[in-house]
Amino acid sequence: MLLLAVFCSLSAPAWADENTLSGNFLFNVISSSEPHREAIKGLLRGRRGLPSWVRNMVTRGDYVAIASVEVSVDGKPMQLFSACEAGRCADSSIKVLFSADGKRAVLDVRDKKLGGTTLGDPTPAEASVLLKDK
């Protein structure tokens, strides 16, 4: 019984614990969490002028991503992801900021060929996190 409890606790996805907003990978979270997936799909649906890897990021994980970090925005914990197009990281990248429950997302896209855009109507505090180091 103890072995089963240990196995179950190790196999739970990181996002299952709301307090674990750091150390997760974007494609895994999008694949495993319906709120995160729906929030991203809502941002990308019908958008033109985005790099193909961004338009397809929900279904294909063919991009480079670093582990998420927890950030505080207006006193609320949020999850920040960074990713880029494989082989073109200097030229095409994104930052995605999710609410702790994954239901709200804002996205900043920077692409050397297509330009930059921010999706999701970020608050000024959210925008400052997305645009930091840009």
Protein backbone atom coordinates (compact mmCIF):
# COMPACT_ATOMS: atom_id res chain seq x y z
CA MET A 1 0.00 0.00 0.00
CA LEU A 2 2.82 2.40 0.87
CA LEU A 3 4.50 1.64 -2.45
CA LEU A 4 1.28 2.48 -4.31
CA ALA A 5 0.98 5.81 -2.47
CA VAL A 6 4.57 6.72 -3.32
CA PHE A 7 4.05 5.79 -6.99
CA CYS A 8 0.85 7.85 -7.25
CA SER A 9 2.47 10.89 -5.68
CA LEU A 10 5.43 10.68 -8.08
CA SER A 11 3.30 10.22 -11.17
CA ALA A 12 1.04 13.25 -10.58
CA PRO A 13 1.76 16.06 -13.04
CA ALA A 14 3.47 19.13 -11.58
CA TRP A 15 0.55 21.42 -12.40
CA ALA A 16 -1.77 19.29 -10.26
CA ASP A 17 -0.46 21.13 -7.20
CA GLU A 18 -1.52 24.75 -7.59
CA ASN A 19 1.43 25.80 -5.45
CA THR A 20 3.89 24.39 -8.01
CA LEU A 21 4.05 27.05 -10.68
CA SER A 22 7.79 26.70 -11.30
CA GLY A 23 9.65 23.92 -13.06
CA ASN A 24 6.97 22.94 -15.59
CA PHE A 25 7.33 22.74 -19.36
CA LEU A 26 4.88 24.49 -21.66
CA PHE A 27 3.98 21.60 -23.96
CA ASN A 28 3.46 19.24 -21.01
CA VAL A 29 1.19 21.72 -19.25
CA ILE A 30 -0.81 22.48 -22.41
CA SER A 31 -1.16 18.75 -23.11
CA SER A 32 -2.17 17.85 -19.56
CA SER A 33 -4.30 20.77 -18.36
CA GLU A 34 -7.56 21.62 -20.05
CA PRO A 35 -7.74 25.17 -18.60
CA HIS A 36 -4.23 25.97 -19.90
CA ARG A 37 -4.95 24.39 -23.29
CA GLU A 38 -8.25 26.24 -23.72
CA ALA A 39 -6.71 29.56 -22.64
CA ILE A 40 -3.95 29.25 -25.27
CA LYS A 41 -6.33 28.04 -27.96
CA GLY A 42 -8.54 31.04 -27.26
CA LEU A 43 -5.61 33.41 -27.76
CA LEU A 44 -4.44 31.78 -30.99
CA ARG A 45 -7.79 31.03 -32.64
CA GLY A 46 -8.19 32.96 -35.88
CA ARG A 47 -5.01 35.02 -35.43
CA ARG A 48 -3.09 35.84 -38.57
CA GLY A 49 0.52 36.93 -38.77
CA LEU A 50 1.85 34.50 -36.18
CA PRO A 51 4.79 32.19 -36.76
CA SER A 52 3.63 28.68 -37.71
CA TRP A 53 5.31 27.12 -34.66
CA VAL A 54 3.23 29.41 -32.41
CA ARG A 55 -0.03 28.65 -34.26
CA ASN A 56 0.71 24.93 -33.86
CA MET A 57 2.10 24.98 -30.31
CA VAL A 58 -0.99 23.35 -28.81
CA THR A 59 -0.70 20.21 -30.92
CA ARG A 60 3.03 20.04 -31.67
CA GLY A 61 5.83 20.52 -29.20
CA ASP A 62 8.51 21.21 -31.80
CA TYR A 63 9.88 24.27 -30.04
CA VAL A 64 12.49 24.92 -27.39
CA ALA A 65 11.16 25.80 -23.94
CA ILE A 66 12.66 26.41 -20.55
CA ALA A 67 10.97 25.46 -17.30
CA SER A 68 8.34 27.84 -15.99
CA VAL A 69 8.96 30.28 -13.20
CA GLU A 70 6.49 31.58 -10.66
CA VAL A 71 6.11 35.34 -10.72
CA SER A 72 3.99 37.66 -8.61
CA VAL A 73 1.76 40.03 -10.58
CA ASP A 74 -0.23 42.51 -8.52
CA GLY A 75 0.27 40.21 -5.53
CA LYS A 76 -1.09 37.13 -7.31
CA PRO A 77 1.04 34.11 -8.25
CA MET A 78 1.30 33.49 -11.98
CA GLN A 79 3.25 31.07 -14.14
CA LEU A 80 5.65 32.43 -16.76
CA PHE A 81 6.86 30.32 -19.68
CA SER A 82 9.43 31.19 -22.34
CA ALA A 83 9.83 29.32 -25.62
CA CYS A 84 11.36 29.79 -29.04
CA GLU A 85 11.42 28.24 -32.48
CA ALA A 86 13.96 25.43 -32.66
CA GLY A 87 17.01 26.62 -34.59
CA ARG A 88 15.80 30.26 -34.56
CA CYS A 89 15.67 31.19 -30.89
CA ALA A 90 17.26 34.58 -31.44
CA ASP A 91 14.72 35.37 -34.17
CA SER A 92 11.40 33.93 -32.97
CA SER A 93 10.32 33.66 -29.34
CA ILE A 94 7.35 33.90 -27.00
CA LYS A 95 6.54 34.50 -23.38
CA VAL A 96 3.29 33.16 -21.94
CA LEU A 97 1.87 34.18 -18.59
CA PHE A 98 -0.86 32.04 -17.01
CA SER A 99 -2.98 32.62 -13.94
CA ALA A 100 -2.38 30.02 -11.21
CA ASP A 101 -5.50 28.09 -12.28
CA GLY A 102 -4.54 28.25 -15.98
CA LYS A 103 -7.79 29.88 -17.04
CA ARG A 104 -6.24 33.21 -18.04
CA ALA A 105 -3.30 33.59 -20.38
CA VAL A 106 -1.50 36.47 -22.05
CA LEU A 107 1.10 35.94 -24.73
CA ASP A 108 3.86 38.04 -26.23
CA VAL A 109 5.31 36.99 -29.59
CA ARG A 110 8.53 38.40 -31.03
CA ASP A 111 9.55 37.36 -34.53
CA LYS A 112 12.24 38.97 -36.64
CA LYS A 113 10.30 38.45 -39.91
CA LEU A 114 6.71 38.95 -38.69
CA GLY A 115 7.23 41.52 -35.94
CA GLY A 116 5.84 41.47 -32.45
CA THR A 117 2.39 41.24 -30.96
CA THR A 118 0.83 40.79 -27.55
CA LEU A 119 -2.36 38.77 -27.18
CA GLY A 120 -4.85 38.50 -24.35
CA ASP A 121 -5.21 42.13 -23.30
CA PRO A 122 -2.64 42.08 -20.47
CA THR A 123 -2.93 44.41 -17.53
CA PRO A 124 -0.05 46.92 -17.19
CA ALA A 125 1.53 44.67 -14.54
CA GLU A 126 1.21 41.57 -16.77
CA ALA A 127 2.64 43.49 -19.73
CA SER A 128 5.67 44.56 -17.70
CA VAL A 129 6.41 40.89 -16.89
CA LEU A 130 5.95 39.81 -20.51
CA LEU A 131 8.11 42.61 -21.89
CA LYS A 132 10.86 42.38 -19.30
CA ASP A 133 14.25 41.72 -20.92
CA LYS A 134 12.88 42.45 -24.43
